Amino acid sequence: MSNTTSREIALVTGANKGIGRETARRLAATGMTVLLGARDIQRGEQAAAELAADGLDVRFLHLDVTDADTVKAAAARVEQEFGKLDVLVNNAGISVENGTAVTDITADAMRTTYETNVFGVVTVTNTLLPLLRGSANARIVNVSSLLASLSVSADPNGPLAGWPAASLLAYNSSKTALNALTVMWANVLRADGIKVNAADPGYIATDLNHHSGTSTVEEGATAIVTLATLPADGPTGTFQSADGPHTW
């Protein structure tokens, strides 16, 4: 039997390091119970323990977004312990390019990227949706990137012009697909009061880009946390950075 609680419950995927871990920390600092999702049990447990040692209610949740069985098991645990989920942050993501040119990207590289960045998000979101429906103010935040914006990418004089990262075919297109999911989910779930938004953390120094980013994880978590803590009358179906809305 589930145990409902008035305390807000948040789940952050891929949260044992980088932006995900900082997002977990910041959400817990607001008073939420945060489930730190990670596929690596040892690293996930260590990250959760370190955050809990700071007095935050952060708990490890084993979850590999590419493994439906772990996602189902995670949902069952959330149902049993809390009876609902208020916030889902789809943060887990990968990039496999490593400098490969657009014209040399293989279909296998595309599949690997989409397995985590797109299909994994679908698996997690759809599996946890019944628990989100149990919240009075459910928020879903999909961690995207400015690189996903078709309007920005198509501008030969825009901010991405000449930037090497603008040529990451697998990663960028997967995030564009994620943006499409965001819009469609927002439209379908609007009547249920579930808000679905995409967040652009910015160019953050993380393992994903071999720490070549120009901003910190603290800065990167800002847009995510803002969207994850929206009030009941907050926006849905938007794509935002810490500086404001992006065009799709």
C-alpha atoms as a PDB file:
ATOM      1  CA  MET A   1       0.000   0.000   0.000  1.00  0.00           C
ATOM      2  CA  SER A   2       1.260   3.480  -0.872  1.00  0.00           C
ATOM      3  CA  ASN A   3       1.902   6.172   1.705  1.00  0.00           C
ATOM      4  CA  THR A   4       0.930   9.598   0.440  1.00  0.00           C
ATOM      5  CA  THR A   5       2.811  12.584   1.796  1.00  0.00           C
ATOM      6  CA  SER A   6       2.317  16.340   1.699  1.00  0.00           C
ATOM      7  CA  ARG A   7       6.036  16.865   1.125  1.00  0.00           C
ATOM      8  CA  GLU A   8       6.897  17.301  -2.546  1.00  0.00           C
ATOM      9  CA  ILE A   9       8.745  14.392  -4.145  1.00  0.00           C
ATOM     10  CA  ALA A  10      11.174  14.957  -7.015  1.00  0.00           C
ATOM     11  CA  LEU A  11      13.079  12.493  -9.184  1.00  0.00           C
ATOM     12  CA  VAL A  12      16.156  13.538 -11.143  1.00  0.00           C
ATOM     13  CA  THR A  13      17.604  11.043 -13.630  1.00  0.00           C
ATOM     14  CA  GLY A  14      21.335  10.807 -14.253  1.00  0.00           C
ATOM     15  CA  ALA A  15      21.907  12.658 -11.003  1.00  0.00           C
ATOM     16  CA  ASN A  16      25.059  11.139  -9.515  1.00  0.00           C
ATOM     17  CA  LYS A  17      27.225  13.906 -11.010  1.00  0.00           C
ATOM     18  CA  GLY A  18      27.270  17.184 -12.924  1.00  0.00           C
ATOM     19  CA  ILE A  19      24.122  19.177 -13.556  1.00  0.00           C
ATOM     20  CA  GLY A  20      21.899  16.351 -12.340  1.00  0.00           C
ATOM     21  CA  ARG A  21      23.556  16.213  -8.948  1.00  0.00           C
ATOM     22  CA  GLU A  22      23.456  19.986  -8.562  1.00  0.00           C
ATOM     23  CA  THR A  23      19.773  19.974  -9.544  1.00  0.00           C
ATOM     24  CA  ALA A  24      19.095  17.333  -6.907  1.00  0.00           C
ATOM     25  CA  ARG A  25      20.923  19.409  -4.314  1.00  0.00           C
ATOM     26  CA  ARG A  26      19.060  22.593  -5.177  1.00  0.00           C
ATOM     27  CA  LEU A  27      15.639  20.954  -5.198  1.00  0.00           C
ATOM     28  CA  ALA A  28      16.318  19.297  -1.852  1.00  0.00           C
ATOM     29  CA  ALA A  29      17.376  22.669  -0.489  1.00  0.00           C
ATOM     30  CA  THR A  30      13.853  23.940  -1.228  1.00  0.00           C
ATOM     31  CA  GLY A  31      12.459  21.295   1.119  1.00  0.00           C
ATOM     32  CA  MET A  32      11.659  18.546  -1.359  1.00  0.00           C
ATOM     33  CA  THR A  33      12.436  14.877  -0.922  1.00  0.00           C
ATOM     34  CA  VAL A  34      14.690  14.173  -3.892  1.00  0.00           C
ATOM     35  CA  LEU A  35      15.232  10.769  -5.440  1.00  0.00           C
ATOM     36  CA  LEU A  36      18.675  10.737  -7.009  1.00  0.00           C
ATOM     37  CA  GLY A  37      18.330   8.480 -10.029  1.00  0.00           C
ATOM     38  CA  ALA A  38      21.458   6.777 -11.348  1.00  0.00           C
ATOM     39  CA  ARG A  39      22.298   3.574 -13.214  1.00  0.00           C
ATOM     40  CA  ASP A  40      25.590   3.039 -11.356  1.00  0.00           C
ATOM     41  CA  ILE A  41      24.581   1.856  -7.901  1.00  0.00           C
ATOM     42  CA  GLN A  42      27.874   2.625  -6.154  1.00  0.00           C
ATOM     43  CA  ARG A  43      28.186   6.133  -7.577  1.00  0.00           C
ATOM     44  CA  GLY A  44      24.523   6.862  -7.006  1.00  0.00           C
ATOM     45  CA  GLU A  45      24.605   5.738  -3.394  1.00  0.00           C
ATOM     46  CA  GLN A  46      27.762   7.759  -2.744  1.00  0.00           C
ATOM     47  CA  ALA A  47      26.324  10.936  -4.287  1.00  0.00           C
ATOM     48  CA  ALA A  48      23.073  10.598  -2.332  1.00  0.00           C
ATOM     49  CA  ALA A  49      24.960   9.942   0.914  1.00  0.00           C
ATOM     50  CA  GLU A  50      27.157  13.001   0.414  1.00  0.00           C
ATOM     51  CA  LEU A  51      24.139  15.240  -0.171  1.00  0.00           C
ATOM     52  CA  ALA A  52      22.257  13.692   2.744  1.00  0.00           C
ATOM     53  CA  ALA A  53      25.274  14.395   4.954  1.00  0.00           C
ATOM     54  CA  ASP A  54      24.615  18.080   4.309  1.00  0.00           C
ATOM     55  CA  GLY A  55      21.192  17.699   5.903  1.00  0.00           C
ATOM     56  CA  LEU A  56      19.262  17.310   2.649  1.00  0.00           C
ATOM     57  CA  ASP A  57      16.551  14.703   2.093  1.00  0.00           C
ATOM     58  CA  VAL A  58      18.198  13.012  -0.890  1.00  0.00           C
ATOM     59  CA  ARG A  59      17.780   9.278  -1.478  1.00  0.00           C
ATOM     60  CA  PHE A  60      19.343   7.032  -4.095  1.00  0.00           C
ATOM     61  CA  LEU A  61      17.023   5.395  -6.623  1.00  0.00           C
ATOM     62  CA  HIS A  62      18.462   2.807  -8.986  1.00  0.00           C
ATOM     63  CA  LEU A  63      17.289   3.735 -12.465  1.00  0.00           C
ATOM     64  CA  ASP A  64      18.805   3.139 -15.893  1.00  0.00           C
ATOM     65  CA  VAL A  65      16.683   4.989 -18.440  1.00  0.00           C
ATOM     66  CA  THR A  66      17.628   2.440 -21.122  1.00  0.00           C
ATOM     67  CA  ASP A  67      16.450  -0.496 -18.990  1.00  0.00           C
ATOM     68  CA  ALA A  68      12.668  -0.652 -18.706  1.00  0.00           C
ATOM     69  CA  ASP A  69      12.847  -3.143 -15.841  1.00  0.00           C
ATOM     70  CA  THR A  70      14.794  -0.740 -13.621  1.00  0.00           C
ATOM     71  CA  VAL A  71      12.360   2.039 -14.532  1.00  0.00           C
ATOM     72  CA  LYS A  72       9.382  -0.129 -13.549  1.00  0.00           C
ATOM     73  CA  ALA A  73      11.090  -1.115 -10.305  1.00  0.00           C
ATOM     74  CA  ALA A  74      11.830   2.546  -9.540  1.00  0.00           C
ATOM     75  CA  ALA A  75       8.196   3.490 -10.170  1.00  0.00           C
ATOM     76  CA  ALA A  76       7.041   0.701  -7.873  1.00  0.00           C
ATOM     77  CA  ARG A  77       9.297   1.972  -5.100  1.00  0.00           C
ATOM     78  CA  VAL A  78       8.030   5.543  -5.496  1.00  0.00           C
ATOM     79  CA  GLU A  79       4.452   4.260  -5.413  1.00  0.00           C
ATOM     80  CA  GLN A  80       5.076   2.192  -2.305  1.00  0.00           C
ATOM     81  CA  GLU A  81       6.995   4.832  -0.353  1.00  0.00           C
ATOM     82  CA  PHE A  82       5.302   8.056  -1.429  1.00  0.00           C
ATOM     83  CA  GLY A  83       2.185   7.348  -3.482  1.00  0.00           C
ATOM     84  CA  LYS A  84       2.916  10.208  -5.901  1.00  0.00           C
ATOM     85  CA  LEU A  85       5.581  12.154  -7.765  1.00  0.00           C
ATOM     86  CA  ASP A  86       5.522  15.947  -8.000  1.00  0.00           C
ATOM     87  CA  VAL A  87       8.597  16.649 -10.118  1.00  0.00           C
ATOM     88  CA  LEU A  88      10.344  14.635 -12.816  1.00  0.00           C
ATOM     89  CA  VAL A  89      13.593  15.992 -14.240  1.00  0.00           C
ATOM     90  CA  ASN A  90      14.677  14.035 -17.312  1.00  0.00           C
ATOM     91  CA  ASN A  91      18.353  14.907 -17.047  1.00  0.00           C
ATOM     92  CA  ALA A  92      20.163  11.725 -18.122  1.00  0.00           C
ATOM     93  CA  GLY A  93      21.846  12.232 -21.477  1.00  0.00           C
ATOM     94  CA  ILE A  94      24.843  11.165 -23.522  1.00  0.00           C
ATOM     95  CA  SER A  95      26.936  12.299 -26.476  1.00  0.00           C
ATOM     96  CA  VAL A  96      28.973   9.826 -28.515  1.00  0.00           C
ATOM     97  CA  GLU A  97      30.322  12.067 -31.269  1.00  0.00           C
ATOM     98  CA  ASN A  98      33.887  12.668 -30.068  1.00  0.00           C
ATOM     99  CA  GLY A  99      34.645  14.943 -32.986  1.00  0.00           C
ATOM    100  CA  THR A 100      33.015  12.805 -35.680  1.00  0.00           C
ATOM    101  CA  ALA A 101      31.901  14.851 -38.672  1.00  0.00           C
ATOM    102  CA  VAL A 102      28.205  15.128 -39.488  1.00  0.00           C
ATOM    103  CA  THR A 103      28.669  13.148 -42.705  1.00  0.00           C
ATOM    104  CA  ASP A 104      30.513  10.359 -40.872  1.00  0.00           C
ATOM    105  CA  ILE A 105      28.037   9.699 -38.067  1.00  0.00           C
ATOM    106  CA  THR A 106      26.779   6.128 -38.264  1.00  0.00           C
ATOM    107  CA  ALA A 107      23.259   4.901 -37.751  1.00  0.00           C
ATOM    108  CA  ASP A 108      24.505   2.897 -34.753  1.00  0.00           C
ATOM    109  CA  ALA A 109      25.824   6.072 -33.129  1.00  0.00           C
ATOM    110  CA  MET A 110      22.460   7.699 -33.709  1.00  0.00           C
ATOM    111  CA  ARG A 111      20.630   4.731 -32.176  1.00  0.00           C
ATOM    112  CA  THR A 112      22.876   4.716 -29.122  1.00  0.00           C
ATOM    113  CA  THR A 113      22.307   8.427 -28.542  1.00  0.00           C
ATOM    114  CA  TYR A 114      18.557   8.253 -29.059  1.00  0.00           C
ATOM    115  CA  GLU A 115      18.280   5.220 -26.778  1.00  0.00           C
ATOM    116  CA  THR A 116      19.172   7.432 -23.809  1.00  0.00           C
ATOM    117  CA  ASN A 117      18.255  10.953 -24.898  1.00  0.00           C
ATOM    118  CA  VAL A 118      14.876  10.186 -26.471  1.00  0.00           C
ATOM    119  CA  PHE A 119      13.608   6.635 -25.954  1.00  0.00           C
ATOM    120  CA  GLY A 120      14.800   6.591 -22.359  1.00  0.00           C
ATOM    121  CA  VAL A 121      12.880   9.785 -21.648  1.00  0.00           C
ATOM    122  CA  VAL A 122       9.752   8.250 -23.168  1.00  0.00           C
ATOM    123  CA  THR A 123      10.129   5.125 -21.023  1.00  0.00           C
ATOM    124  CA  VAL A 124      10.677   7.070 -17.805  1.00  0.00           C
ATOM    125  CA  THR A 125       7.951   9.654 -18.404  1.00  0.00           C
ATOM    126  CA  ASN A 126       5.254   7.228 -19.482  1.00  0.00           C
ATOM    127  CA  THR A 127       6.051   4.817 -16.647  1.00  0.00           C
ATOM    128  CA  LEU A 128       5.936   7.549 -14.005  1.00  0.00           C
ATOM    129  CA  LEU A 129       2.952   9.405 -15.421  1.00  0.00           C
ATOM    130  CA  PRO A 130       0.397   7.682 -13.135  1.00  0.00           C
ATOM    131  CA  LEU A 131       2.396   8.911 -10.129  1.00  0.00           C
ATOM    132  CA  LEU A 132       2.620  12.427 -11.556  1.00  0.00           C
ATOM    133  CA  ARG A 133      -1.149  12.414 -11.966  1.00  0.00           C
ATOM    134  CA  GLY A 134      -1.305  11.945  -8.197  1.00  0.00           C
ATOM    135  CA  SER A 135       0.289  15.354  -7.626  1.00  0.00           C
ATOM    136  CA  ALA A 136      -1.639  18.580  -7.193  1.00  0.00           C
ATOM    137  CA  ASN A 137       1.048  20.434  -9.150  1.00  0.00           C
ATOM    138  CA  ALA A 138       3.104  18.066 -11.297  1.00  0.00           C
ATOM    139  CA  ARG A 139       6.053  19.394 -13.280  1.00  0.00           C
ATOM    140  CA  ILE A 140       8.145  17.606 -15.889  1.00  0.00           C
ATOM    141  CA  VAL A 141      11.412  19.218 -16.972  1.00  0.00           C
ATOM    142  CA  ASN A 142      13.278  17.855 -19.982  1.00  0.00           C
ATOM    143  CA  VAL A 143      16.917  18.923 -20.041  1.00  0.00           C
ATOM    144  CA  SER A 144      17.551  20.125 -23.580  1.00  0.00           C
ATOM    145  CA  SER A 145      20.089  22.485 -25.176  1.00  0.00           C
ATOM    146  CA  LEU A 146      20.205  25.587 -27.334  1.00  0.00           C
ATOM    147  CA  LEU A 147      21.790  23.235 -29.884  1.00  0.00           C
ATOM    148  CA  ALA A 148      18.320  21.703 -30.286  1.00  0.00           C
ATOM    149  CA  SER A 149      16.755  24.901 -31.590  1.00  0.00           C
ATOM    150  CA  LEU A 150      16.069  24.564 -35.313  1.00  0.00           C
ATOM    151  CA  SER A 151      15.464  28.288 -35.728  1.00  0.00           C
ATOM    152  CA  VAL A 152      18.770  29.177 -34.077  1.00  0.00           C
ATOM    153  CA  SER A 153      20.692  26.441 -35.887  1.00  0.00           C
ATOM    154  CA  ALA A 154      19.280  27.506 -39.262  1.00  0.00           C
ATOM    155  CA  ASP A 155      20.506  31.092 -38.879  1.00  0.00           C
ATOM    156  CA  PRO A 156      23.871  31.380 -40.692  1.00  0.00           C
ATOM    157  CA  ASN A 157      24.615  34.497 -38.667  1.00  0.00           C
ATOM    158  CA  GLY A 158      23.183  33.236 -35.388  1.00  0.00           C
ATOM    159  CA  PRO A 159      24.901  32.411 -32.100  1.00  0.00           C
ATOM    160  CA  LEU A 160      25.708  28.853 -33.197  1.00  0.00           C
ATOM    161  CA  ALA A 161      27.325  29.817 -36.505  1.00  0.00           C
ATOM    162  CA  GLY A 162      30.827  28.411 -36.720  1.00  0.00           C
ATOM    163  CA  TRP A 163      30.586  26.721 -33.320  1.00  0.00           C
ATOM    164  CA  PRO A 164      31.899  23.112 -33.482  1.00  0.00           C
ATOM    165  CA  ALA A 165      29.192  21.868 -31.133  1.00  0.00           C
ATOM    166  CA  ALA A 166      26.598  22.935 -33.703  1.00  0.00           C
ATOM    167  CA  SER A 167      27.778  19.970 -35.815  1.00  0.00           C
ATOM    168  CA  LEU A 168      26.935  17.237 -33.298  1.00  0.00           C
ATOM    169  CA  LEU A 169      24.422  15.422 -35.478  1.00  0.00           C
ATOM    170  CA  ALA A 170      23.382  12.681 -33.076  1.00  0.00           C
ATOM    171  CA  TYR A 171      23.303  14.763 -29.892  1.00  0.00           C
ATOM    172  CA  ASN A 172      21.713  17.889 -31.334  1.00  0.00           C
ATOM    173  CA  SER A 173      19.023  16.063 -33.282  1.00  0.00           C
ATOM    174  CA  SER A 174      18.208  13.938 -30.230  1.00  0.00           C
ATOM    175  CA  LYS A 175      17.614  17.092 -28.222  1.00  0.00           C
ATOM    176  CA  THR A 176      15.462  18.496 -31.043  1.00  0.00           C
ATOM    177  CA  ALA A 177      13.406  15.307 -30.819  1.00  0.00           C
ATOM    178  CA  LEU A 178      13.218  15.801 -27.052  1.00  0.00           C
ATOM    179  CA  ASN A 179      11.856  19.302 -27.634  1.00  0.00           C
ATOM    180  CA  ALA A 180       9.169  17.822 -29.878  1.00  0.00           C
ATOM    181  CA  LEU A 181       8.222  15.392 -27.115  1.00  0.00           C
ATOM    182  CA  THR A 182       8.042  18.313 -24.701  1.00  0.00           C
ATOM    183  CA  VAL A 183       5.560  20.193 -26.869  1.00  0.00           C
ATOM    184  CA  MET A 184       3.379  17.149 -27.491  1.00  0.00           C
ATOM    185  CA  TRP A 185       3.301  16.085 -23.846  1.00  0.00           C
ATOM    186  CA  ALA A 186       2.549  19.657 -22.777  1.00  0.00           C
ATOM    187  CA  ASN A 187      -0.422  19.787 -25.138  1.00  0.00           C
ATOM    188  CA  VAL A 188      -1.813  16.421 -24.060  1.00  0.00           C
ATOM    189  CA  LEU A 189      -1.265  16.904 -20.316  1.00  0.00           C
ATOM    190  CA  ARG A 190      -2.332  20.544 -20.090  1.00  0.00           C
ATOM    191  CA  ALA A 191      -5.901  19.555 -19.202  1.00  0.00           C
ATOM    192  CA  ASP A 192      -4.566  17.479 -16.306  1.00  0.00           C
ATOM    193  CA  GLY A 193      -2.619  20.410 -14.900  1.00  0.00           C
ATOM    194  CA  ILE A 194       0.733  18.730 -15.567  1.00  0.00           C
ATOM    195  CA  LYS A 195       3.327  21.204 -16.805  1.00  0.00           C
ATOM    196  CA  VAL A 196       5.987  20.023 -19.264  1.00  0.00           C
ATOM    197  CA  ASN A 197       8.864  22.323 -20.177  1.00  0.00           C
ATOM    198  CA  ALA A 198      12.334  22.082 -21.709  1.00  0.00           C
ATOM    199  CA  ALA A 199      15.364  23.656 -20.025  1.00  0.00           C
ATOM    200  CA  ASP A 200      18.608  24.792 -21.608  1.00  0.00           C
ATOM    201  CA  PRO A 201      21.334  24.704 -18.933  1.00  0.00           C
ATOM    202  CA  GLY A 202      23.837  26.495 -21.162  1.00  0.00           C
ATOM    203  CA  TYR A 203      27.376  25.444 -22.076  1.00  0.00           C
ATOM    204  CA  ILE A 204      28.314  23.838 -18.793  1.00  0.00           C
ATOM    205  CA  ALA A 205      31.638  22.215 -17.927  1.00  0.00           C
ATOM    206  CA  THR A 206      30.708  18.553 -17.390  1.00  0.00           C
ATOM    207  CA  ASP A 207      31.948  15.086 -18.341  1.00  0.00           C
ATOM    208  CA  LEU A 208      29.610  15.249 -21.342  1.00  0.00           C
ATOM    209  CA  ASN A 209      31.822  17.847 -23.049  1.00  0.00           C
ATOM    210  CA  HIS A 210      35.097  16.841 -21.370  1.00  0.00           C
ATOM    211  CA  HIS A 211      34.748  19.920 -19.140  1.00  0.00           C
ATOM    212  CA  SER A 212      35.167  22.311 -22.055  1.00  0.00           C
ATOM    213  CA  GLY A 213      32.066  24.272 -21.045  1.00  0.00           C
ATOM    214  CA  THR A 214      32.335  27.885 -19.995  1.00  0.00           C
ATOM    215  CA  SER A 215      29.795  27.873 -17.153  1.00  0.00           C
ATOM    216  CA  THR A 216      29.468  26.001 -13.862  1.00  0.00           C
ATOM    217  CA  VAL A 217      27.003  23.292 -12.882  1.00  0.00           C
ATOM    218  CA  GLU A 218      25.561  25.764 -10.378  1.00  0.00           C
ATOM    219  CA  GLU A 219      24.709  28.093 -13.264  1.00  0.00           C
ATOM    220  CA  GLY A 220      23.479  25.193 -15.360  1.00  0.00           C
ATOM    221  CA  ALA A 221      20.970  24.025 -12.790  1.00  0.00           C
ATOM    222  CA  THR A 222      19.257  27.411 -12.558  1.00  0.00           C
ATOM    223  CA  ALA A 223      16.823  27.065 -15.469  1.00  0.00           C
ATOM    224  CA  ILE A 224      16.039  23.476 -14.524  1.00  0.00           C
ATOM    225  CA  VAL A 225      15.248  24.337 -10.912  1.00  0.00           C
ATOM    226  CA  THR A 226      13.139  27.328 -11.973  1.00  0.00           C
ATOM    227  CA  LEU A 227      10.956  25.118 -14.172  1.00  0.00           C
ATOM    228  CA  ALA A 228      10.879  22.320 -11.585  1.00  0.00           C
ATOM    229  CA  THR A 229       9.512  24.684  -8.931  1.00  0.00           C
ATOM    230  CA  LEU A 230       6.859  26.456 -10.984  1.00  0.00           C
ATOM    231  CA  PRO A 231       3.617  27.364  -9.221  1.00  0.00           C
ATOM    232  CA  ALA A 232       0.356  25.755 -10.266  1.00  0.00           C
ATOM    233  CA  ASP A 233      -0.385  28.614 -12.675  1.00  0.00           C
ATOM    234  CA  GLY A 234       3.080  28.502 -14.239  1.00  0.00           C
ATOM    235  CA  PRO A 235       3.727  28.088 -17.968  1.00  0.00           C
ATOM    236  CA  THR A 236       3.811  24.827 -19.895  1.00  0.00           C
ATOM    237  CA  GLY A 237       5.153  23.928 -23.313  1.00  0.00           C
ATOM    238  CA  THR A 238       8.087  26.365 -23.119  1.00  0.00           C
ATOM    239  CA  PHE A 239      11.819  26.127 -23.876  1.00  0.00           C
ATOM    240  CA  GLN A 240      13.825  28.261 -21.470  1.00  0.00           C
ATOM    241  CA  SER A 241      17.306  29.111 -20.272  1.00  0.00           C
ATOM    242  CA  ALA A 242      18.221  31.123 -17.190  1.00  0.00           C
ATOM    243  CA  ASP A 243      18.056  34.214 -19.425  1.00  0.00           C
ATOM    244  CA  GLY A 244      14.526  33.582 -20.672  1.00  0.00           C
ATOM    245  CA  PRO A 245      12.616  31.756 -23.419  1.00  0.00           C
ATOM    246  CA  HIS A 246      14.219  30.221 -26.501  1.00  0.00           C
ATOM    247  CA  THR A 247      12.642  29.786 -29.918  1.00  0.00           C
ATOM    248  CA  TRP A 248      12.043  26.194 -30.909  1.00  0.00           C
END
